[in-house]
C-alpha atoms as a PDB file:
ATOM      1  CA  UNK A   1     -58.058  -4.587 -35.138  1.00  0.00           C
ATOM      2  CA  UNK A   2     -58.238  -1.174 -34.056  1.00  0.00           C
ATOM      3  CA  UNK A   3     -56.388  -0.676 -30.578  1.00  0.00           C
ATOM      4  CA  UNK A   4     -57.957   2.082 -28.323  1.00  0.00           C
ATOM      5  CA  UNK A   5     -55.945   5.648 -28.597  1.00  0.00           C
ATOM      6  CA  UNK A   6     -55.047   7.025 -24.702  1.00  0.00           C
ATOM      7  CA  UNK A   7     -53.266  10.353 -23.783  1.00  0.00           C
ATOM      8  CA  UNK A   8     -52.053  11.103 -20.179  1.00  0.00           C
ATOM      9  CA  UNK A   9     -51.801  14.335 -19.582  1.00  0.00           C
ATOM     10  CA  UNK A  10     -49.713  16.346 -16.869  1.00  0.00           C
ATOM     11  CA  UNK A  11     -48.669  19.920 -17.007  1.00  0.00           C
ATOM     12  CA  UNK A  12     -45.288  19.404 -17.930  1.00  0.00           C
ATOM     13  CA  UNK A  13     -45.244  15.746 -19.337  1.00  0.00           C
ATOM     14  CA  UNK A  14     -41.849  15.086 -17.034  1.00  0.00           C
ATOM     15  CA  UNK A  15     -43.084  12.681 -14.292  1.00  0.00           C
ATOM     16  CA  UNK A  16     -46.452  11.581 -13.469  1.00  0.00           C
ATOM     17  CA  UNK A  17     -47.848  11.029 -17.577  1.00  0.00           C
ATOM     18  CA  UNK A  18     -44.769   9.384 -18.367  1.00  0.00           C
ATOM     19  CA  UNK A  19     -44.889   7.226 -15.398  1.00  0.00           C
ATOM     20  CA  UNK A  20     -48.532   6.425 -16.514  1.00  0.00           C
ATOM     21  CA  UNK A  21     -47.818   5.905 -20.654  1.00  0.00           C
ATOM     22  CA  UNK A  22     -44.668   3.547 -19.260  1.00  0.00           C
ATOM     23  CA  UNK A  23     -46.603   1.255 -17.245  1.00  0.00           C
ATOM     24  CA  UNK A  24     -49.720   1.303 -20.180  1.00  0.00           C
ATOM     25  CA  UNK A  25     -47.228   0.168 -22.718  1.00  0.00           C
ATOM     26  CA  UNK A  26     -45.684  -2.235 -20.485  1.00  0.00           C
ATOM     27  CA  UNK A  27     -49.509  -3.698 -19.340  1.00  0.00           C
ATOM     28  CA  UNK A  28     -51.829  -3.045 -22.192  1.00  0.00           C
ATOM     29  CA  UNK A  29     -49.342  -2.763 -25.175  1.00  0.00           C
ATOM     30  CA  UNK A  30     -51.521  -4.907 -26.785  1.00  0.00           C
ATOM     31  CA  UNK A  31     -54.706  -3.678 -26.376  1.00  0.00           C
ATOM     32  CA  UNK A  32     -54.173   0.658 -26.474  1.00  0.00           C
ATOM     33  CA  UNK A  33     -51.945   3.176 -28.150  1.00  0.00           C
ATOM     34  CA  UNK A  34     -50.776   5.472 -25.359  1.00  0.00           C
ATOM     35  CA  UNK A  35     -49.555   8.826 -25.711  1.00  0.00           C
ATOM     36  CA  UNK A  36     -48.232  11.440 -22.919  1.00  0.00           C
ATOM     37  CA  UNK A  37     -48.510  14.683 -23.441  1.00  0.00           C
ATOM     38  CA  UNK A  38     -48.349  18.460 -21.138  1.00  0.00           C
ATOM     39  CA  UNK A  39     -49.378  22.019 -21.173  1.00  0.00           C
ATOM     40  CA  UNK A  40     -45.996  22.678 -21.730  1.00  0.00           C
ATOM     41  CA  UNK A  41     -42.422  20.029 -21.857  1.00  0.00           C
ATOM     42  CA  UNK A  42     -40.579  20.168 -19.049  1.00  0.00           C
ATOM     43  CA  UNK A  43     -38.355  17.505 -20.207  1.00  0.00           C
ATOM     44  CA  UNK A  44     -37.896  13.868 -18.771  1.00  0.00           C
ATOM     45  CA  UNK A  45     -37.213  13.478 -15.138  1.00  0.00           C
ATOM     46  CA  UNK A  46     -34.587  11.182 -14.236  1.00  0.00           C
ATOM     47  CA  UNK A  47     -35.984  10.277 -11.406  1.00  0.00           C
ATOM     48  CA  UNK A  48     -39.069   9.049 -12.726  1.00  0.00           C
ATOM     49  CA  UNK A  49     -36.711   7.222 -15.318  1.00  0.00           C
ATOM     50  CA  UNK A  50     -35.256   5.668 -12.557  1.00  0.00           C
ATOM     51  CA  UNK A  51     -38.103   4.676 -10.159  1.00  0.00           C
ATOM     52  CA  UNK A  52     -39.370   3.193 -13.323  1.00  0.00           C
ATOM     53  CA  UNK A  53     -36.207   1.291 -13.973  1.00  0.00           C
ATOM     54  CA  UNK A  54     -35.940  -0.043 -11.260  1.00  0.00           C
ATOM     55  CA  UNK A  55     -39.664  -1.260 -11.600  1.00  0.00           C
ATOM     56  CA  UNK A  56     -38.662  -3.628 -14.796  1.00  0.00           C
ATOM     57  CA  UNK A  57     -39.787  -0.382 -17.166  1.00  0.00           C
ATOM     58  CA  UNK A  58     -37.649   1.431 -19.512  1.00  0.00           C
ATOM     59  CA  UNK A  59     -38.962   5.391 -19.981  1.00  0.00           C
ATOM     60  CA  UNK A  60     -35.771   6.252 -21.457  1.00  0.00           C
ATOM     61  CA  UNK A  61     -36.882   6.504 -24.886  1.00  0.00           C
ATOM     62  CA  UNK A  62     -40.055   8.709 -23.862  1.00  0.00           C
ATOM     63  CA  UNK A  63     -39.721  12.412 -24.103  1.00  0.00           C
ATOM     64  CA  UNK A  64     -41.808  15.441 -22.738  1.00  0.00           C
ATOM     65  CA  UNK A  65     -44.287  16.837 -25.463  1.00  0.00           C
ATOM     66  CA  UNK A  66     -47.020  18.863 -25.906  1.00  0.00           C
ATOM     67  CA  UNK A  67     -50.276  17.814 -27.902  1.00  0.00           C
ATOM     68  CA  UNK A  68     -49.092  19.134 -30.904  1.00  0.00           C
ATOM     69  CA  UNK A  69     -46.250  17.206 -31.202  1.00  0.00           C
ATOM     70  CA  UNK A  70     -48.319  14.021 -31.402  1.00  0.00           C
ATOM     71  CA  UNK A  71     -48.707  12.922 -34.790  1.00  0.00           C
ATOM     72  CA  UNK A  72     -53.111  11.949 -33.986  1.00  0.00           C
ATOM     73  CA  UNK A  73     -55.578  14.042 -31.993  1.00  0.00           C
ATOM     74  CA  UNK A  74     -58.175  10.896 -32.497  1.00  0.00           C
ATOM     75  CA  UNK A  75     -58.584   9.415 -28.921  1.00  0.00           C
ATOM     76  CA  UNK A  76     -60.921   7.522 -26.936  1.00  0.00           C
ATOM     77  CA  UNK A  77     -59.737   8.421 -24.183  1.00  0.00           C
ATOM     78  CA  UNK A  78     -57.927  11.931 -21.913  1.00  0.00           C
ATOM     79  CA  UNK A  79     -57.020  11.120 -18.645  1.00  0.00           C
ATOM     80  CA  UNK A  80     -55.233  14.397 -16.288  1.00  0.00           C
ATOM     81  CA  UNK A  81     -53.201  13.394 -13.962  1.00  0.00           C
ATOM     82  CA  UNK A  82     -52.885  16.688 -12.360  1.00  0.00           C
ATOM     83  CA  UNK A  83     -55.370  19.331 -11.468  1.00  0.00           C
ATOM     84  CA  UNK A  84     -53.558  22.321 -13.657  1.00  0.00           C
ATOM     85  CA  UNK A  85     -54.168  19.812 -16.436  1.00  0.00           C
ATOM     86  CA  UNK A  86     -57.844  19.451 -15.755  1.00  0.00           C
ATOM     87  CA  UNK A  87     -57.999  23.306 -15.537  1.00  0.00           C
ATOM     88  CA  UNK A  88     -56.141  23.346 -18.774  1.00  0.00           C
ATOM     89  CA  UNK A  89     -56.902  20.582 -20.748  1.00  0.00           C
ATOM     90  CA  UNK A  90     -58.035  21.839 -24.374  1.00  0.00           C
ATOM     91  CA  UNK A  91     -60.535  21.198 -26.539  1.00  0.00           C
ATOM     92  CA  UNK A  92     -60.707  17.852 -28.059  1.00  0.00           C
ATOM     93  CA  UNK A  93     -63.396  16.935 -30.726  1.00  0.00           C
ATOM     94  CA  UNK A  94     -65.968  14.137 -31.193  1.00  0.00           C
ATOM     95  CA  UNK A  95     -66.538  11.322 -28.868  1.00  0.00           C
ATOM     96  CA  UNK A  96     -63.624  11.666 -26.547  1.00  0.00           C
ATOM     97  CA  UNK A  97     -64.133  10.261 -22.757  1.00  0.00           C
ATOM     98  CA  UNK A  98     -61.861  12.794 -20.786  1.00  0.00           C
ATOM     99  CA  UNK A  99     -61.587  11.604 -17.181  1.00  0.00           C
ATOM    100  CA  UNK A 100     -59.399  12.909 -14.254  1.00  0.00           C
ATOM    101  CA  UNK A 101     -57.136  10.741 -11.935  1.00  0.00           C
ATOM    102  CA  UNK A 102     -54.913  13.123  -9.841  1.00  0.00           C
ATOM    103  CA  UNK A 103     -51.567  11.962  -8.370  1.00  0.00           C
ATOM    104  CA  UNK A 104     -49.503  13.950  -6.078  1.00  0.00           C
ATOM    105  CA  UNK A 105     -46.254  15.460  -8.073  1.00  0.00           C
ATOM    106  CA  UNK A 106     -42.948  13.472  -6.916  1.00  0.00           C
ATOM    107  CA  UNK A 107     -41.173  16.346  -8.033  1.00  0.00           C
ATOM    108  CA  UNK A 108     -42.646  18.543  -5.517  1.00  0.00           C
ATOM    109  CA  UNK A 109     -43.087  16.282  -2.486  1.00  0.00           C
ATOM    110  CA  UNK A 110     -38.973  15.142  -3.176  1.00  0.00           C
ATOM    111  CA  UNK A 111     -38.229  19.378  -2.630  1.00  0.00           C
ATOM    112  CA  UNK A 112     -36.250  19.908   0.706  1.00  0.00           C
ATOM    113  CA  UNK A 113     -35.329  16.192   0.775  1.00  0.00           C
ATOM    114  CA  UNK A 114     -32.311  15.404   2.907  1.00  0.00           C
ATOM    115  CA  UNK A 115     -30.898  12.574   1.257  1.00  0.00           C
ATOM    116  CA  UNK A 116     -31.677  11.169  -2.849  1.00  0.00           C
ATOM    117  CA  UNK A 117     -32.854   7.987  -0.959  1.00  0.00           C
ATOM    118  CA  UNK A 118     -35.495  10.350   1.020  1.00  0.00           C
ATOM    119  CA  UNK A 119     -36.055  12.189  -2.461  1.00  0.00           C
ATOM    120  CA  UNK A 120     -37.015   8.707  -3.913  1.00  0.00           C
ATOM    121  CA  UNK A 121     -39.280   7.765  -1.818  1.00  0.00           C
ATOM    122  CA  UNK A 122     -42.111  10.011  -3.617  1.00  0.00           C
ATOM    123  CA  UNK A 123     -41.706   8.625  -6.971  1.00  0.00           C
ATOM    124  CA  UNK A 124     -41.799   5.678  -6.155  1.00  0.00           C
ATOM    125  CA  UNK A 125     -45.198   5.595  -3.884  1.00  0.00           C
ATOM    126  CA  UNK A 126     -46.504   7.872  -7.037  1.00  0.00           C
ATOM    127  CA  UNK A 127     -45.222   5.290  -9.526  1.00  0.00           C
ATOM    128  CA  UNK A 128     -47.123   2.514  -7.768  1.00  0.00           C
ATOM    129  CA  UNK A 129     -50.160   4.245  -7.416  1.00  0.00           C
ATOM    130  CA  UNK A 130     -50.446   5.341 -10.946  1.00  0.00           C
ATOM    131  CA  UNK A 131     -49.227   1.080 -11.962  1.00  0.00           C
ATOM    132  CA  UNK A 132     -52.696   0.021 -10.265  1.00  0.00           C
ATOM    133  CA  UNK A 133     -54.631   2.508 -11.583  1.00  0.00           C
ATOM    134  CA  UNK A 134     -53.428   1.765 -15.360  1.00  0.00           C
ATOM    135  CA  UNK A 135     -54.033  -1.996 -14.273  1.00  0.00           C
ATOM    136  CA  UNK A 136     -57.730  -0.794 -14.573  1.00  0.00           C
ATOM    137  CA  UNK A 137     -57.941   1.024 -18.038  1.00  0.00           C
ATOM    138  CA  UNK A 138     -59.876  -1.943 -19.990  1.00  0.00           C
ATOM    139  CA  UNK A 139     -62.799  -1.373 -17.033  1.00  0.00           C
ATOM    140  CA  UNK A 140     -62.793   2.419 -17.658  1.00  0.00           C
ATOM    141  CA  UNK A 141     -62.770   1.924 -21.309  1.00  0.00           C
ATOM    142  CA  UNK A 142     -65.600  -0.912 -21.309  1.00  0.00           C
END
């Protein structure tokens, strides 16, 4: 059985796309081959790693990459998770479904937080929103 190939794309492949990749592997790893990438590499966001671990999903082995770093570009579904990635999304040849589902930017929302707990609040909210979206991936691909 060939697994459907899914790519989560965000600007820096640091937070939202990394969370989506982690959730998709955790929830649908038996159904899909998932990757994430960015337009640029910004490194894995430590707070994203922390809040995913709180939810029982280890993304510490993931790393920030661009599309050129991926072994295959034969995707069935490309999901952009931020407006910048949607606007900058490269062309993929073939029959690929491209969808956009924008999520708030946790690092941007955490700027100016008065303490670490407040800084983590937007990360947790967006983590949970991404989880709910990822749960519906089988319906999107049918």
